[in-house]
Amino acid sequence: QVQLVESGGGLVQPGGSLRLSCTASRNIFSSNAMGWYRQAPGKQRELVAAMGSGGSTNYADSVKGRFTISRDVAKNTVYLQMSSLKPEDTAVYYCNANVRTGYYRGDYWGQGTQVTVSS
């Protein structure tokens, strides 16, 4: 079992910035893919940003150039730096890790953190 704990959400004005953090209870981010998803009311959960086990990154078109996913392996933490935020970014953001092999293999999700972009 792996627990993912997210933090950093809140209320921010359009054009502002937030940094979300996701810390895992086990050492998994060094060798597994991870990602950030979001879900707005009435909408499907969508992938926002992903990082492969080798450090490659991929972003949804809607956030390219504004969001950055990164990791600190020593802290077992994944970050999502969000800038130039828009009201359309308002959603619950979830951290995800898919552990492919080993004792902790499985699909893990954080509890979600609310991001609200409004003036």
N, C-alpha and C. Protein backbone atom coordinates (compact mmCIF):
# COMPACT_ATOMS: atom_id res chain seq x y z
N GLN A 1 0.83 -1.18 0.00
CA GLN A 1 0.00 0.00 0.00
C GLN A 1 0.88 1.25 0.00
N VAL A 2 0.49 2.20 -0.84
CA VAL A 2 1.18 3.48 -0.92
C VAL A 2 0.15 4.58 -0.73
N GLN A 3 0.45 5.49 0.15
CA GLN A 3 -0.42 6.64 0.37
C GLN A 3 0.18 7.86 -0.31
N LEU A 4 -0.64 8.58 -1.06
CA LEU A 4 -0.24 9.82 -1.68
C LEU A 4 -0.97 10.96 -1.00
N VAL A 5 -0.23 11.94 -0.54
CA VAL A 5 -0.80 13.07 0.17
C VAL A 5 -0.51 14.34 -0.61
N GLU A 6 -1.56 15.04 -0.98
CA GLU A 6 -1.44 16.26 -1.77
C GLU A 6 -1.64 17.49 -0.90
N SER A 7 -1.03 18.57 -1.33
CA SER A 7 -1.21 19.84 -0.66
C SER A 7 -0.92 20.97 -1.64
N GLY A 8 -1.29 22.17 -1.27
CA GLY A 8 -0.96 23.34 -2.07
C GLY A 8 -2.11 23.99 -2.79
N GLY A 9 -3.27 23.36 -2.78
CA GLY A 9 -4.42 23.95 -3.44
C GLY A 9 -4.95 25.15 -2.68
N GLY A 10 -5.84 25.87 -3.32
CA GLY A 10 -6.42 27.03 -2.70
C GLY A 10 -7.08 27.94 -3.71
N LEU A 11 -7.40 29.12 -3.25
CA LEU A 11 -8.02 30.14 -4.08
C LEU A 11 -6.97 31.10 -4.60
N VAL A 12 -6.98 31.34 -5.90
CA VAL A 12 -6.02 32.23 -6.51
C VAL A 12 -6.71 33.05 -7.59
N GLN A 13 -6.23 34.26 -7.79
CA GLN A 13 -6.79 35.12 -8.83
C GLN A 13 -6.28 34.71 -10.20
N PRO A 14 -7.05 34.99 -11.24
CA PRO A 14 -6.55 34.73 -12.60
C PRO A 14 -5.19 35.37 -12.81
N GLY A 15 -4.31 34.64 -13.45
CA GLY A 15 -2.96 35.09 -13.67
C GLY A 15 -1.99 34.74 -12.56
N GLY A 16 -2.51 34.24 -11.47
CA GLY A 16 -1.68 33.87 -10.34
C GLY A 16 -1.03 32.51 -10.49
N SER A 17 -0.33 32.10 -9.44
CA SER A 17 0.42 30.86 -9.46
C SER A 17 0.16 30.05 -8.20
N LEU A 18 0.28 28.75 -8.33
CA LEU A 18 0.22 27.82 -7.22
C LEU A 18 1.19 26.68 -7.49
N ARG A 19 1.70 26.09 -6.43
CA ARG A 19 2.49 24.89 -6.56
C ARG A 19 1.86 23.78 -5.73
N LEU A 20 1.48 22.72 -6.39
CA LEU A 20 0.92 21.56 -5.73
C LEU A 20 2.03 20.56 -5.42
N SER A 21 1.89 19.90 -4.29
CA SER A 21 2.86 18.89 -3.89
C SER A 21 2.15 17.57 -3.64
N CYS A 22 2.83 16.50 -3.94
CA CYS A 22 2.33 15.15 -3.70
C CYS A 22 3.46 14.32 -3.13
N THR A 23 3.29 13.88 -1.90
CA THR A 23 4.32 13.10 -1.23
C THR A 23 3.82 11.68 -1.01
N ALA A 24 4.65 10.72 -1.39
CA ALA A 24 4.30 9.30 -1.25
C ALA A 24 4.88 8.72 0.02
N SER A 25 4.17 7.77 0.59
CA SER A 25 4.61 7.13 1.82
C SER A 25 5.67 6.06 1.58
N ARG A 26 5.93 5.74 0.34
CA ARG A 26 6.95 4.79 -0.04
C ARG A 26 7.81 5.38 -1.15
N ASN A 27 8.99 4.82 -1.31
CA ASN A 27 9.91 5.31 -2.33
C ASN A 27 9.53 4.72 -3.68
N ILE A 28 8.71 5.44 -4.42
CA ILE A 28 8.21 4.94 -5.69
C ILE A 28 8.50 5.86 -6.87
N PHE A 29 8.74 7.12 -6.63
CA PHE A 29 8.84 8.07 -7.72
C PHE A 29 10.14 7.98 -8.50
N SER A 30 11.13 7.31 -7.98
CA SER A 30 12.40 7.20 -8.67
C SER A 30 12.34 6.26 -9.86
N SER A 31 11.39 5.33 -9.87
CA SER A 31 11.37 4.31 -10.90
C SER A 31 9.99 4.04 -11.48
N ASN A 32 9.06 4.93 -11.24
CA ASN A 32 7.70 4.75 -11.74
C ASN A 32 7.17 6.04 -12.34
N ALA A 33 6.26 5.88 -13.26
CA ALA A 33 5.62 7.04 -13.86
C ALA A 33 4.63 7.65 -12.88
N MET A 34 4.41 8.93 -13.05
CA MET A 34 3.49 9.64 -12.18
C MET A 34 2.81 10.75 -12.98
N GLY A 35 1.71 11.23 -12.44
CA GLY A 35 1.01 12.28 -13.15
C GLY A 35 0.07 13.05 -12.27
N TRP A 36 -0.35 14.18 -12.80
CA TRP A 36 -1.37 14.99 -12.19
C TRP A 36 -2.61 15.00 -13.07
N TYR A 37 -3.74 14.76 -12.45
CA TYR A 37 -5.03 14.81 -13.12
C TYR A 37 -5.88 15.89 -12.47
N ARG A 38 -6.93 16.27 -13.16
CA ARG A 38 -7.88 17.19 -12.56
C ARG A 38 -9.29 16.83 -13.00
N GLN A 39 -10.24 17.19 -12.17
CA GLN A 39 -11.63 16.95 -12.47
C GLN A 39 -12.46 18.14 -12.03
N ALA A 40 -13.11 18.75 -13.00
CA ALA A 40 -14.02 19.85 -12.73
C ALA A 40 -15.43 19.29 -12.57
N PRO A 41 -16.30 20.02 -11.88
CA PRO A 41 -17.68 19.53 -11.69
C PRO A 41 -18.35 19.20 -13.02
N GLY A 42 -18.94 18.02 -13.09
CA GLY A 42 -19.65 17.61 -14.28
C GLY A 42 -18.77 17.15 -15.42
N LYS A 43 -17.47 17.09 -15.21
CA LYS A 43 -16.56 16.69 -16.27
C LYS A 43 -15.79 15.43 -15.88
N GLN A 44 -15.24 14.78 -16.89
CA GLN A 44 -14.41 13.62 -16.68
C GLN A 44 -13.05 14.03 -16.12
N ARG A 45 -12.45 13.13 -15.37
CA ARG A 45 -11.10 13.38 -14.92
C ARG A 45 -10.15 13.33 -16.11
N GLU A 46 -9.26 14.30 -16.19
CA GLU A 46 -8.36 14.39 -17.31
C GLU A 46 -6.92 14.50 -16.85
N LEU A 47 -6.05 13.98 -17.67
CA LEU A 47 -4.61 14.07 -17.40
C LEU A 47 -4.14 15.48 -17.70
N VAL A 48 -3.43 16.06 -16.76
CA VAL A 48 -2.89 17.41 -16.91
C VAL A 48 -1.42 17.36 -17.27
N ALA A 49 -0.66 16.59 -16.51
CA ALA A 49 0.78 16.49 -16.72
C ALA A 49 1.26 15.13 -16.27
N ALA A 50 2.23 14.59 -16.97
CA ALA A 50 2.77 13.28 -16.62
C ALA A 50 4.28 13.30 -16.73
N MET A 51 4.90 12.46 -15.93
CA MET A 51 6.34 12.28 -15.98
C MET A 51 6.64 10.80 -16.01
N GLY A 52 7.42 10.38 -16.99
CA GLY A 52 7.83 9.00 -17.08
C GLY A 52 8.92 8.67 -16.08
N SER A 53 9.18 7.39 -15.95
CA SER A 53 10.18 6.96 -14.98
C SER A 53 11.57 7.51 -15.29
N GLY A 54 11.82 7.81 -16.56
CA GLY A 54 13.09 8.36 -16.97
C GLY A 54 13.16 9.88 -16.93
N GLY A 55 12.07 10.52 -16.54
CA GLY A 55 12.06 11.96 -16.42
C GLY A 55 11.40 12.71 -17.56
N SER A 56 10.95 12.00 -18.58
CA SER A 56 10.26 12.66 -19.68
C SER A 56 8.94 13.22 -19.19
N THR A 57 8.47 14.28 -19.84
CA THR A 57 7.24 14.93 -19.42
C THR A 57 6.28 15.08 -20.59
N ASN A 58 5.01 15.16 -20.25
CA ASN A 58 3.97 15.36 -21.24
C ASN A 58 2.87 16.17 -20.59
N TYR A 59 2.28 17.08 -21.37
CA TYR A 59 1.28 17.98 -20.84
C TYR A 59 0.05 18.02 -21.74
N ALA A 60 -1.08 18.27 -21.11
CA ALA A 60 -2.28 18.55 -21.88
C ALA A 60 -2.09 19.85 -22.64
N ASP A 61 -2.66 19.92 -23.83
CA ASP A 61 -2.51 21.12 -24.64
C ASP A 61 -2.97 22.38 -23.91
N SER A 62 -3.98 22.23 -23.08
CA SER A 62 -4.56 23.38 -22.40
C SER A 62 -3.63 24.00 -21.36
N VAL A 63 -2.60 23.27 -20.94
CA VAL A 63 -1.72 23.79 -19.89
C VAL A 63 -0.27 23.92 -20.34
N LYS A 64 0.04 23.55 -21.55
CA LYS A 64 1.41 23.65 -22.04
C LYS A 64 1.91 25.09 -21.95
N GLY A 65 3.11 25.23 -21.44
CA GLY A 65 3.70 26.54 -21.26
C GLY A 65 3.32 27.22 -19.97
N ARG A 66 2.37 26.66 -19.25
CA ARG A 66 1.92 27.27 -17.99
C ARG A 66 2.17 26.37 -16.79
N PHE A 67 2.10 25.07 -16.98
CA PHE A 67 2.28 24.11 -15.89
C PHE A 67 3.59 23.36 -16.08
N THR A 68 4.21 23.00 -14.98
CA THR A 68 5.44 22.22 -15.01
C THR A 68 5.38 21.14 -13.95
N ILE A 69 5.61 19.90 -14.37
CA ILE A 69 5.69 18.79 -13.43
C ILE A 69 7.15 18.51 -13.13
N SER A 70 7.45 18.25 -11.88
CA SER A 70 8.82 17.95 -11.48
C SER A 70 8.79 16.99 -10.30
N ARG A 71 9.94 16.46 -9.96
CA ARG A 71 10.01 15.55 -8.83
C ARG A 71 11.28 15.76 -8.04
N ASP A 72 11.20 15.44 -6.77
CA ASP A 72 12.34 15.41 -5.88
C ASP A 72 12.39 14.00 -5.34
N VAL A 73 13.25 13.18 -5.90
CA VAL A 73 13.30 11.77 -5.54
C VAL A 73 13.67 11.59 -4.07
N ALA A 74 14.60 12.40 -3.59
CA ALA A 74 15.03 12.27 -2.20
C ALA A 74 13.89 12.51 -1.23
N LYS A 75 12.99 13.41 -1.59
CA LYS A 75 11.84 13.71 -0.75
C LYS A 75 10.62 12.87 -1.10
N ASN A 76 10.75 12.05 -2.16
CA ASN A 76 9.65 11.23 -2.63
C ASN A 76 8.42 12.09 -2.92
N THR A 77 8.65 13.20 -3.58
CA THR A 77 7.62 14.20 -3.81
C THR A 77 7.57 14.61 -5.26
N VAL A 78 6.37 14.76 -5.76
CA VAL A 78 6.12 15.27 -7.11
C VAL A 78 5.42 16.61 -6.99
N TYR A 79 5.79 17.53 -7.84
CA TYR A 79 5.23 18.87 -7.81
C TYR A 79 4.53 19.19 -9.12
N LEU A 80 3.56 20.06 -9.02
CA LEU A 80 2.96 20.67 -10.19
C LEU A 80 2.98 22.18 -9.99
N GLN A 81 3.87 22.84 -10.70
CA GLN A 81 3.94 24.29 -10.66
C GLN A 81 2.97 24.84 -11.69
N MET A 82 2.04 25.65 -11.24
CA MET A 82 1.02 26.21 -12.11
C MET A 82 1.16 27.73 -12.12
N SER A 83 1.22 28.29 -13.30
CA SER A 83 1.31 29.73 -13.45
C SER A 83 0.31 30.19 -14.49
N SER A 84 0.13 31.51 -14.54
CA SER A 84 -0.84 32.10 -15.48
C SER A 84 -2.18 31.39 -15.40
N LEU A 85 -2.63 31.18 -14.20
CA LEU A 85 -3.84 30.40 -13.99
C LEU A 85 -5.07 31.10 -14.55
N LYS A 86 -5.96 30.28 -15.06
CA LYS A 86 -7.20 30.75 -15.67
C LYS A 86 -8.38 30.17 -14.91
N PRO A 87 -9.53 30.82 -14.98
CA PRO A 87 -10.72 30.24 -14.35
C PRO A 87 -11.01 28.82 -14.83
N GLU A 88 -10.68 28.51 -16.06
CA GLU A 88 -10.89 27.19 -16.60
C GLU A 88 -10.03 26.12 -15.93
N ASP A 89 -9.02 26.54 -15.18
CA ASP A 89 -8.19 25.59 -14.45
C ASP A 89 -8.82 25.15 -13.14
N THR A 90 -9.92 25.75 -12.77
CA THR A 90 -10.59 25.40 -11.53
C THR A 90 -11.02 23.94 -11.56
N ALA A 91 -10.58 23.18 -10.58
CA ALA A 91 -10.87 21.75 -10.52
C ALA A 91 -10.27 21.18 -9.25
N VAL A 92 -10.61 19.94 -8.98
CA VAL A 92 -9.90 19.17 -7.97
C VAL A 92 -8.74 18.48 -8.66
N TYR A 93 -7.56 18.67 -8.13
CA TYR A 93 -6.36 18.10 -8.73
C TYR A 93 -5.91 16.88 -7.94
N TYR A 94 -5.58 15.83 -8.67
CA TYR A 94 -5.21 14.56 -8.06
C TYR A 94 -3.83 14.13 -8.52
N CYS A 95 -3.05 13.64 -7.60
CA CYS A 95 -1.78 13.02 -7.90
C CYS A 95 -2.00 11.53 -8.14
N ASN A 96 -1.28 10.98 -9.11
CA ASN A 96 -1.41 9.57 -9.45
C ASN A 96 -0.05 8.94 -9.67
N ALA A 97 0.08 7.72 -9.22
CA ALA A 97 1.27 6.92 -9.51
C ALA A 97 0.84 5.51 -9.84
N ASN A 98 1.39 4.98 -10.91
CA ASN A 98 1.13 3.60 -11.30
C ASN A 98 2.41 2.81 -11.14
N VAL A 99 2.43 1.98 -10.12
CA VAL A 99 3.59 1.16 -9.82
C VAL A 99 3.42 -0.16 -10.57
N ARG A 100 4.29 -0.41 -11.54
CA ARG A 100 4.11 -1.53 -12.45
C ARG A 100 4.50 -2.86 -11.85
N THR A 101 5.57 -2.88 -11.08
CA THR A 101 6.09 -4.14 -10.55
C THR A 101 6.45 -4.01 -9.08
N GLY A 102 6.69 -5.15 -8.48
CA GLY A 102 7.16 -5.19 -7.12
C GLY A 102 6.06 -5.30 -6.09
N TYR A 103 6.49 -5.28 -4.85
CA TYR A 103 5.57 -5.46 -3.74
C TYR A 103 4.47 -4.41 -3.71
N TYR A 104 4.79 -3.18 -4.10
CA TYR A 104 3.82 -2.10 -4.02
C TYR A 104 3.08 -1.82 -5.32
N ARG A 105 3.14 -2.77 -6.26
CA ARG A 105 2.50 -2.54 -7.54
C ARG A 105 1.02 -2.25 -7.37
N GLY A 106 0.55 -1.32 -8.16
CA GLY A 106 -0.83 -0.91 -8.09
C GLY A 106 -1.00 0.50 -8.61
N ASP A 107 -2.23 0.95 -8.65
CA ASP A 107 -2.58 2.29 -9.10
C ASP A 107 -3.00 3.11 -7.88
N TYR A 108 -2.28 4.18 -7.64
CA TYR A 108 -2.48 4.96 -6.42
C TYR A 108 -2.91 6.38 -6.75
N TRP A 109 -3.81 6.89 -5.94
CA TRP A 109 -4.34 8.24 -6.11
C TRP A 109 -4.28 9.00 -4.80
N GLY A 110 -3.99 10.28 -4.91
CA GLY A 110 -4.10 11.15 -3.76
C GLY A 110 -5.54 11.48 -3.47
N GLN A 111 -5.76 12.18 -2.37
CA GLN A 111 -7.11 12.52 -1.95
C GLN A 111 -7.71 13.67 -2.75
N GLY A 112 -6.88 14.39 -3.46
CA GLY A 112 -7.32 15.53 -4.23
C GLY A 112 -7.18 16.83 -3.46
N THR A 113 -6.87 17.88 -4.18
CA THR A 113 -6.78 19.20 -3.58
C THR A 113 -7.48 20.19 -4.51
N GLN A 114 -8.30 21.04 -3.93
CA GLN A 114 -9.12 21.96 -4.70
C GLN A 114 -8.30 23.17 -5.13
N VAL A 115 -8.38 23.47 -6.41
CA VAL A 115 -7.80 24.70 -6.95
C VAL A 115 -8.94 25.52 -7.54
N THR A 116 -9.10 26.72 -7.04
CA THR A 116 -10.14 27.61 -7.52
C THR A 116 -9.50 28.89 -8.03
N VAL A 117 -9.74 29.21 -9.29
CA VAL A 117 -9.19 30.41 -9.91
C VAL A 117 -10.35 31.35 -10.17
N SER A 118 -10.38 32.43 -9.43
CA SER A 118 -11.49 33.36 -9.52
C SER A 118 -11.07 34.72 -9.01
N SER A 119 -11.63 35.74 -9.60
CA SER A 119 -11.41 37.10 -9.13
C SER A 119 -12.47 37.53 -8.14
